[in-house]
Amino acid sequence: MALIKINGRSRFFDTDKIEITQVSNGRWKVTYDRSDFLVIGGVHSGGAANEWFCHHPLFYGDAWLPCRSMVEAIRLGVQY
């Protein structure tokens, strides 16, 4: 289990190592022990606070999966 602090709250993720780096406004690259994926969304990307998308080409192909928060998008990408 990895512990990451997002928006002032600590969250556990089902992986050994995870790293979240901001690529640009509203875009983050999530790297963990199996692969990496993109998380896009929030107010800084031009959408609403609860509009987030997870893009994990290894598991989901070209699909951008909608989520309600950044934590949900990260959990969706790390679950495999």
PDB file of N, CA and C in Angstrom:
ATOM      1  N   MET A   1       0.832  -1.182   0.000  1.00  0.00           N
ATOM      2  CA  MET A   1       0.000   0.000   0.000  1.00  0.00           C
ATOM      3  C   MET A   1       0.876   1.245   0.000  1.00  0.00           C
ATOM      4  N   ALA A   2       0.488   2.185  -0.826  1.00  0.00           N
ATOM      5  CA  ALA A   2       1.201   3.458  -0.894  1.00  0.00           C
ATOM      6  C   ALA A   2       0.314   4.555  -0.309  1.00  0.00           C
ATOM      7  N   LEU A   3       0.908   5.473   0.407  1.00  0.00           N
ATOM      8  CA  LEU A   3       0.191   6.577   1.024  1.00  0.00           C
ATOM      9  C   LEU A   3       0.577   7.870   0.313  1.00  0.00           C
ATOM     10  N   ILE A   4      -0.432   8.570  -0.241  1.00  0.00           N
ATOM     11  CA  ILE A   4      -0.221   9.828  -0.954  1.00  0.00           C
ATOM     12  C   ILE A   4      -1.156  10.878  -0.363  1.00  0.00           C
ATOM     13  N   LYS A   5      -0.671  12.107  -0.261  1.00  0.00           N
ATOM     14  CA  LYS A   5      -1.497  13.203   0.230  1.00  0.00           C
ATOM     15  C   LYS A   5      -2.040  13.988  -0.959  1.00  0.00           C
ATOM     16  N   ILE A   6      -3.378  14.043  -1.108  1.00  0.00           N
ATOM     17  CA  ILE A   6      -4.049  14.776  -2.182  1.00  0.00           C
ATOM     18  C   ILE A   6      -5.042  15.733  -1.543  1.00  0.00           C
ATOM     19  N   ASN A   7      -4.919  17.001  -1.873  1.00  0.00           N
ATOM     20  CA  ASN A   7      -5.782  18.050  -1.337  1.00  0.00           C
ATOM     21  C   ASN A   7      -5.820  18.060   0.192  1.00  0.00           C
ATOM     22  N   GLY A   8      -4.672  17.829   0.796  1.00  0.00           N
ATOM     23  CA  GLY A   8      -4.568  17.887   2.244  1.00  0.00           C
ATOM     24  C   GLY A   8      -5.025  16.635   2.975  1.00  0.00           C
ATOM     25  N   ARG A   9      -5.471  15.615   2.252  1.00  0.00           N
ATOM     26  CA  ARG A   9      -5.912  14.370   2.884  1.00  0.00           C
ATOM     27  C   ARG A   9      -5.030  13.216   2.439  1.00  0.00           C
ATOM     28  N   SER A  10      -4.718  12.337   3.354  1.00  0.00           N
ATOM     29  CA  SER A  10      -3.906  11.169   3.035  1.00  0.00           C
ATOM     30  C   SER A  10      -4.790  10.066   2.463  1.00  0.00           C
ATOM     31  N   ARG A  11      -4.333   9.452   1.386  1.00  0.00           N
ATOM     32  CA  ARG A  11      -5.078   8.386   0.715  1.00  0.00           C
ATOM     33  C   ARG A  11      -4.170   7.185   0.521  1.00  0.00           C
ATOM     34  N   PHE A  12      -4.735   5.992   0.691  1.00  0.00           N
ATOM     35  CA  PHE A  12      -4.019   4.751   0.431  1.00  0.00           C
ATOM     36  C   PHE A  12      -4.368   4.249  -0.952  1.00  0.00           C
ATOM     37  N   PHE A  13      -3.368   3.763  -1.687  1.00  0.00           N
ATOM     38  CA  PHE A  13      -3.566   3.175  -2.997  1.00  0.00           C
ATOM     39  C   PHE A  13      -2.956   1.783  -3.003  1.00  0.00           C
ATOM     40  N   ASP A  14      -3.587   0.872  -3.724  1.00  0.00           N
ATOM     41  CA  ASP A  14      -3.190  -0.527  -3.757  1.00  0.00           C
ATOM     42  C   ASP A  14      -2.020  -0.735  -4.722  1.00  0.00           C
ATOM     43  N   THR A  15      -0.880  -0.228  -4.360  1.00  0.00           N
ATOM     44  CA  THR A  15       0.345  -0.366  -5.136  1.00  0.00           C
ATOM     45  C   THR A  15       1.524  -0.160  -4.204  1.00  0.00           C
ATOM     46  N   ASP A  16       2.682  -0.619  -4.617  1.00  0.00           N
ATOM     47  CA  ASP A  16       3.859  -0.476  -3.763  1.00  0.00           C
ATOM     48  C   ASP A  16       4.451   0.924  -3.817  1.00  0.00           C
ATOM     49  N   LYS A  17       4.511   1.498  -5.034  1.00  0.00           N
ATOM     50  CA  LYS A  17       5.117   2.805  -5.203  1.00  0.00           C
ATOM     51  C   LYS A  17       4.289   3.594  -6.205  1.00  0.00           C
ATOM     52  N   ILE A  18       4.005   4.845  -5.905  1.00  0.00           N
ATOM     53  CA  ILE A  18       3.220   5.694  -6.799  1.00  0.00           C
ATOM     54  C   ILE A  18       3.804   7.103  -6.779  1.00  0.00           C
ATOM     55  N   GLU A  19       3.815   7.732  -7.953  1.00  0.00           N
ATOM     56  CA  GLU A  19       4.322   9.095  -8.074  1.00  0.00           C
ATOM     57  C   GLU A  19       3.371   9.884  -8.969  1.00  0.00           C
ATOM     58  N   ILE A  20       2.959  11.067  -8.516  1.00  0.00           N
ATOM     59  CA  ILE A  20       2.041  11.919  -9.265  1.00  0.00           C
ATOM     60  C   ILE A  20       2.776  13.215  -9.589  1.00  0.00           C
ATOM     61  N   THR A  21       2.907  13.518 -10.891  1.00  0.00           N
ATOM     62  CA  THR A  21       3.575  14.743 -11.314  1.00  0.00           C
ATOM     63  C   THR A  21       2.637  15.543 -12.209  1.00  0.00           C
ATOM     64  N   GLN A  22       2.603  16.845 -11.976  1.00  0.00           N
ATOM     65  CA  GLN A  22       1.747  17.706 -12.783  1.00  0.00           C
ATOM     66  C   GLN A  22       2.454  18.035 -14.084  1.00  0.00           C
ATOM     67  N   VAL A  23       1.795  17.734 -15.210  1.00  0.00           N
ATOM     68  CA  VAL A  23       2.343  17.972 -16.542  1.00  0.00           C
ATOM     69  C   VAL A  23       2.015  19.390 -16.992  1.00  0.00           C
ATOM     70  N   SER A  24       0.769  19.811 -16.809  1.00  0.00           N
ATOM     71  CA  SER A  24       0.321  21.159 -17.141  1.00  0.00           C
ATOM     72  C   SER A  24      -0.920  21.455 -16.311  1.00  0.00           C
ATOM     73  N   ASN A  25      -1.591  22.561 -16.594  1.00  0.00           N
ATOM     74  CA  ASN A  25      -2.803  22.905 -15.850  1.00  0.00           C
ATOM     75  C   ASN A  25      -3.869  21.842 -16.055  1.00  0.00           C
ATOM     76  N   GLY A  26      -4.300  21.233 -14.987  1.00  0.00           N
ATOM     77  CA  GLY A  26      -5.360  20.244 -15.056  1.00  0.00           C
ATOM     78  C   GLY A  26      -4.943  18.896 -15.604  1.00  0.00           C
ATOM     79  N   ARG A  27      -3.647  18.621 -15.707  1.00  0.00           N
ATOM     80  CA  ARG A  27      -3.156  17.358 -16.276  1.00  0.00           C
ATOM     81  C   ARG A  27      -2.033  16.799 -15.405  1.00  0.00           C
ATOM     82  N   TRP A  28      -2.182  15.539 -14.975  1.00  0.00           N
ATOM     83  CA  TRP A  28      -1.200  14.882 -14.135  1.00  0.00           C
ATOM     84  C   TRP A  28      -0.806  13.540 -14.742  1.00  0.00           C
ATOM     85  N   LYS A  29       0.450  13.194 -14.595  1.00  0.00           N
ATOM     86  CA  LYS A  29       0.946  11.874 -14.999  1.00  0.00           C
ATOM     87  C   LYS A  29       1.140  11.062 -13.727  1.00  0.00           C
ATOM     88  N   VAL A  30       0.514   9.893 -13.693  1.00  0.00           N
ATOM     89  CA  VAL A  30       0.604   9.016 -12.534  1.00  0.00           C
ATOM     90  C   VAL A  30       1.474   7.823 -12.923  1.00  0.00           C
ATOM     91  N   THR A  31       2.571   7.628 -12.207  1.00  0.00           N
ATOM     92  CA  THR A  31       3.474   6.509 -12.446  1.00  0.00           C
ATOM     93  C   THR A  31       3.439   5.614 -11.220  1.00  0.00           C
ATOM     94  N   TYR A  32       3.211   4.337 -11.454  1.00  0.00           N
ATOM     95  CA  TYR A  32       3.211   3.386 -10.349  1.00  0.00           C
ATOM     96  C   TYR A  32       3.982   2.148 -10.757  1.00  0.00           C
ATOM     97  N   ASP A  33       4.033   1.138  -9.907  1.00  0.00           N
ATOM     98  CA  ASP A  33       4.937   0.013 -10.113  1.00  0.00           C
ATOM     99  C   ASP A  33       4.656  -0.808 -11.371  1.00  0.00           C
ATOM    100  N   ARG A  34       3.479  -0.720 -11.983  1.00  0.00           N
ATOM    101  CA  ARG A  34       3.177  -1.520 -13.170  1.00  0.00           C
ATOM    102  C   ARG A  34       3.215  -0.723 -14.468  1.00  0.00           C
ATOM    103  N   SER A  35       2.847   0.525 -14.468  1.00  0.00           N
ATOM    104  CA  SER A  35       2.851   1.343 -15.685  1.00  0.00           C
ATOM    105  C   SER A  35       2.563   2.798 -15.331  1.00  0.00           C
ATOM    106  N   ASP A  36       2.169   3.599 -16.318  1.00  0.00           N
ATOM    107  CA  ASP A  36       1.797   4.981 -16.051  1.00  0.00           C
ATOM    108  C   ASP A  36       0.574   5.356 -16.889  1.00  0.00           C
ATOM    109  N   PHE A  37      -0.142   6.404 -16.443  1.00  0.00           N
ATOM    110  CA  PHE A  37      -1.357   6.861 -17.115  1.00  0.00           C
ATOM    111  C   PHE A  37      -1.571   8.337 -16.830  1.00  0.00           C
ATOM    112  N   LEU A  38      -2.552   8.938 -17.528  1.00  0.00           N
ATOM    113  CA  LEU A  38      -2.861  10.357 -17.369  1.00  0.00           C
ATOM    114  C   LEU A  38      -4.175  10.556 -16.632  1.00  0.00           C
ATOM    115  N   VAL A  39      -4.231  11.603 -15.838  1.00  0.00           N
ATOM    116  CA  VAL A  39      -5.456  12.055 -15.179  1.00  0.00           C
ATOM    117  C   VAL A  39      -5.642  13.517 -15.565  1.00  0.00           C
ATOM    118  N   ILE A  40      -6.812  13.825 -16.116  1.00  0.00           N
ATOM    119  CA  ILE A  40      -7.111  15.186 -16.561  1.00  0.00           C
ATOM    120  C   ILE A  40      -8.432  15.617 -15.938  1.00  0.00           C
ATOM    121  N   GLY A  41      -8.502  16.879 -15.513  1.00  0.00           N
ATOM    122  CA  GLY A  41      -9.781  17.364 -15.026  1.00  0.00           C
ATOM    123  C   GLY A  41      -9.665  18.487 -14.023  1.00  0.00           C
ATOM    124  N   GLY A  42     -10.812  18.792 -13.447  1.00  0.00           N
ATOM    125  CA  GLY A  42     -10.892  19.846 -12.458  1.00  0.00           C
ATOM    126  C   GLY A  42     -11.071  21.219 -13.074  1.00  0.00           C
ATOM    127  N   VAL A  43     -11.102  22.214 -12.251  1.00  0.00           N
ATOM    128  CA  VAL A  43     -11.335  23.596 -12.662  1.00  0.00           C
ATOM    129  C   VAL A  43     -10.181  24.114 -13.524  1.00  0.00           C
ATOM    130  N   HIS A  44      -8.962  23.690 -13.228  1.00  0.00           N
ATOM    131  CA  HIS A  44      -7.801  24.195 -13.956  1.00  0.00           C
ATOM    132  C   HIS A  44      -7.719  23.675 -15.388  1.00  0.00           C
ATOM    133  N   SER A  45      -8.477  22.637 -15.706  1.00  0.00           N
ATOM    134  CA  SER A  45      -8.485  22.121 -17.080  1.00  0.00           C
ATOM    135  C   SER A  45      -9.610  22.740 -17.904  1.00  0.00           C
ATOM    136  N   GLY A  46     -10.410  23.595 -17.284  1.00  0.00           N
ATOM    137  CA  GLY A  46     -11.503  24.251 -17.994  1.00  0.00           C
ATOM    138  C   GLY A  46     -12.860  23.627 -17.740  1.00  0.00           C
ATOM    139  N   GLY A  47     -12.931  22.633 -16.893  1.00  0.00           N
ATOM    140  CA  GLY A  47     -14.202  21.971 -16.576  1.00  0.00           C
ATOM    141  C   GLY A  47     -14.678  22.310 -15.180  1.00  0.00           C
ATOM    142  N   ALA A  48     -15.604  21.516 -14.707  1.00  0.00           N
ATOM    143  CA  ALA A  48     -16.122  21.685 -13.349  1.00  0.00           C
ATOM    144  C   ALA A  48     -15.207  20.956 -12.360  1.00  0.00           C
ATOM    145  N   ALA A  49     -15.420  21.207 -11.086  1.00  0.00           N
ATOM    146  CA  ALA A  49     -14.593  20.587 -10.053  1.00  0.00           C
ATOM    147  C   ALA A  49     -14.776  19.074  -9.985  1.00  0.00           C
ATOM    148  N   ASN A  50     -15.914  18.572 -10.451  1.00  0.00           N
ATOM    149  CA  ASN A  50     -16.163  17.130 -10.391  1.00  0.00           C
ATOM    150  C   ASN A  50     -16.092  16.456 -11.764  1.00  0.00           C
ATOM    151  N   GLU A  51     -15.411  17.069 -12.722  1.00  0.00           N
ATOM    152  CA  GLU A  51     -15.205  16.485 -14.045  1.00  0.00           C
ATOM    153  C   GLU A  51     -13.748  16.042 -14.187  1.00  0.00           C
ATOM    154  N   TRP A  52     -13.518  14.749 -14.100  1.00  0.00           N
ATOM    155  CA  TRP A  52     -12.183  14.179 -14.190  1.00  0.00           C
ATOM    156  C   TRP A  52     -12.211  13.021 -15.174  1.00  0.00           C
ATOM    157  N   PHE A  53     -11.067  12.743 -15.778  1.00  0.00           N
ATOM    158  CA  PHE A  53     -10.957  11.656 -16.736  1.00  0.00           C
ATOM    159  C   PHE A  53      -9.650  10.904 -16.524  1.00  0.00           C
ATOM    160  N   CYS A  54      -9.722   9.589 -16.673  1.00  0.00           N
ATOM    161  CA  CYS A  54      -8.568   8.710 -16.549  1.00  0.00           C
ATOM    162  C   CYS A  54      -8.281   8.118 -17.925  1.00  0.00           C
ATOM    163  N   HIS A  55      -7.031   8.222 -18.381  1.00  0.00           N
ATOM    164  CA  HIS A  55      -6.622   7.666 -19.674  1.00  0.00           C
ATOM    165  C   HIS A  55      -5.471   6.701 -19.434  1.00  0.00           C
ATOM    166  N   HIS A  56      -5.785   5.410 -19.478  1.00  0.00           N
ATOM    167  CA  HIS A  56      -4.796   4.361 -19.251  1.00  0.00           C
ATOM    168  C   HIS A  56      -4.768   3.470 -20.489  1.00  0.00           C
ATOM    169  N   PRO A  57      -3.912   3.784 -21.480  1.00  0.00           N
ATOM    170  CA  PRO A  57      -3.938   3.063 -22.759  1.00  0.00           C
ATOM    171  C   PRO A  57      -3.641   1.579 -22.641  1.00  0.00           C
ATOM    172  N   LEU A  58      -2.870   1.155 -21.659  1.00  0.00           N
ATOM    173  CA  LEU A  58      -2.535  -0.256 -21.510  1.00  0.00           C
ATOM    174  C   LEU A  58      -3.759  -1.103 -21.178  1.00  0.00           C
ATOM    175  N   PHE A  59      -4.635  -0.603 -20.311  1.00  0.00           N
ATOM    176  CA  PHE A  59      -5.793  -1.377 -19.878  1.00  0.00           C
ATOM    177  C   PHE A  59      -7.092  -0.978 -20.561  1.00  0.00           C
ATOM    178  N   TYR A  60      -7.245   0.296 -20.921  1.00  0.00           N
ATOM    179  CA  TYR A  60      -8.520   0.778 -21.463  1.00  0.00           C
ATOM    180  C   TYR A  60      -8.433   1.230 -22.921  1.00  0.00           C
ATOM    181  N   GLY A  61      -7.287   1.119 -23.556  1.00  0.00           N
ATOM    182  CA  GLY A  61      -7.139   1.540 -24.944  1.00  0.00           C
ATOM    183  C   GLY A  61      -7.222   3.055 -25.084  1.00  0.00           C
ATOM    184  N   ASP A  62      -7.980   3.525 -26.071  1.00  0.00           N
ATOM    185  CA  ASP A  62      -8.107   4.963 -26.326  1.00  0.00           C
ATOM    186  C   ASP A  62      -9.211   5.636 -25.513  1.00  0.00           C
ATOM    187  N   ALA A  63      -9.852   4.908 -24.633  1.00  0.00           N
ATOM    188  CA  ALA A  63     -10.993   5.450 -23.881  1.00  0.00           C
ATOM    189  C   ALA A  63     -10.525   6.416 -22.786  1.00  0.00           C
ATOM    190  N   TRP A  64     -11.281   7.487 -22.608  1.00  0.00           N
ATOM    191  CA  TRP A  64     -11.113   8.419 -21.493  1.00  0.00           C
ATOM    192  C   TRP A  64     -12.271   8.157 -20.544  1.00  0.00           C
ATOM    193  N   LEU A  65     -11.999   7.528 -19.426  1.00  0.00           N
ATOM    194  CA  LEU A  65     -13.052   7.136 -18.493  1.00  0.00           C
ATOM    195  C   LEU A  65     -13.410   8.288 -17.564  1.00  0.00           C
ATOM    196  N   PRO A  66     -14.703   8.657 -17.492  1.00  0.00           N
ATOM    197  CA  PRO A  66     -15.114   9.767 -16.621  1.00  0.00           C
ATOM    198  C   PRO A  66     -15.111   9.365 -15.150  1.00  0.00           C
ATOM    199  N   CYS A  67     -14.706  10.302 -14.305  1.00  0.00           N
ATOM    200  CA  CYS A  67     -14.670  10.107 -12.853  1.00  0.00           C
ATOM    201  C   CYS A  67     -15.185  11.371 -12.177  1.00  0.00           C
ATOM    202  N   ARG A  68     -15.467  11.278 -10.877  1.00  0.00           N
ATOM    203  CA  ARG A  68     -15.985  12.428 -10.140  1.00  0.00           C
ATOM    204  C   ARG A  68     -14.912  13.161  -9.349  1.00  0.00           C
ATOM    205  N   SER A  69     -13.720  12.535  -9.201  1.00  0.00           N
ATOM    206  CA  SER A  69     -12.651  13.193  -8.455  1.00  0.00           C
ATOM    207  C   SER A  69     -11.297  12.663  -8.919  1.00  0.00           C
ATOM    208  N   MET A  70     -10.259  13.358  -8.516  1.00  0.00           N
ATOM    209  CA  MET A  70      -8.911  12.920  -8.861  1.00  0.00           C
ATOM    210  C   MET A  70      -8.573  11.599  -8.182  1.00  0.00           C
ATOM    211  N   VAL A  71      -9.012  11.432  -6.955  1.00  0.00           N
ATOM    212  CA  VAL A  71      -8.746  10.202  -6.219  1.00  0.00           C
ATOM    213  C   VAL A  71      -9.422   9.019  -6.911  1.00  0.00           C
ATOM    214  N   GLU A  72     -10.656   9.192  -7.356  1.00  0.00           N
ATOM    215  CA  GLU A  72     -11.365   8.134  -8.070  1.00  0.00           C
ATOM    216  C   GLU A  72     -10.656   7.792  -9.380  1.00  0.00           C
ATOM    217  N   ALA A  73     -10.157   8.794 -10.087  1.00  0.00           N
ATOM    218  CA  ALA A  73      -9.441   8.557 -11.352  1.00  0.00           C
ATOM    219  C   ALA A  73      -8.146   7.785 -11.109  1.00  0.00           C
ATOM    220  N   ILE A  74      -7.425   8.108 -10.055  1.00  0.00           N
ATOM    221  CA  ILE A  74      -6.186   7.403  -9.740  1.00  0.00           C
ATOM    222  C   ILE A  74      -6.486   5.968  -9.330  1.00  0.00           C
ATOM    223  N   ARG A  75      -7.500   5.775  -8.508  1.00  0.00           N
ATOM    224  CA  ARG A  75      -7.869   4.419  -8.095  1.00  0.00           C
ATOM    225  C   ARG A  75      -8.314   3.567  -9.281  1.00  0.00           C
ATOM    226  N   LEU A  76      -9.005   4.188 -10.229  1.00  0.00           N
ATOM    227  CA  LEU A  76      -9.443   3.478 -11.432  1.00  0.00           C
ATOM    228  C   LEU A  76      -8.245   3.021 -12.257  1.00  0.00           C
ATOM    229  N   GLY A  77      -7.216   3.840 -12.346  1.00  0.00           N
ATOM    230  CA  GLY A  77      -6.036   3.478 -13.109  1.00  0.00           C
ATOM    231  C   GLY A  77      -5.134   2.493 -12.406  1.00  0.00           C
ATOM    232  N   VAL A  78      -5.104   2.512 -11.094  1.00  0.00           N
ATOM    233  CA  VAL A  78      -4.207   1.649 -10.322  1.00  0.00           C
ATOM    234  C   VAL A  78      -4.834   0.296 -10.017  1.00  0.00           C
ATOM    235  N   GLN A  79      -6.128   0.137 -10.195  1.00  0.00           N
ATOM    236  CA  GLN A  79      -6.801  -1.082  -9.744  1.00  0.00           C
ATOM    237  C   GLN A  79      -6.330  -2.355 -10.437  1.00  0.00           C
ATOM    238  N   TYR A  80      -5.734  -2.258 -11.590  1.00  0.00           N
ATOM    239  CA  TYR A  80      -5.239  -3.460 -12.267  1.00  0.00           C
ATOM    240  C   TYR A  80      -3.823  -3.664 -11.878  1.00  0.00           C
TER     241      TYR A  80
END
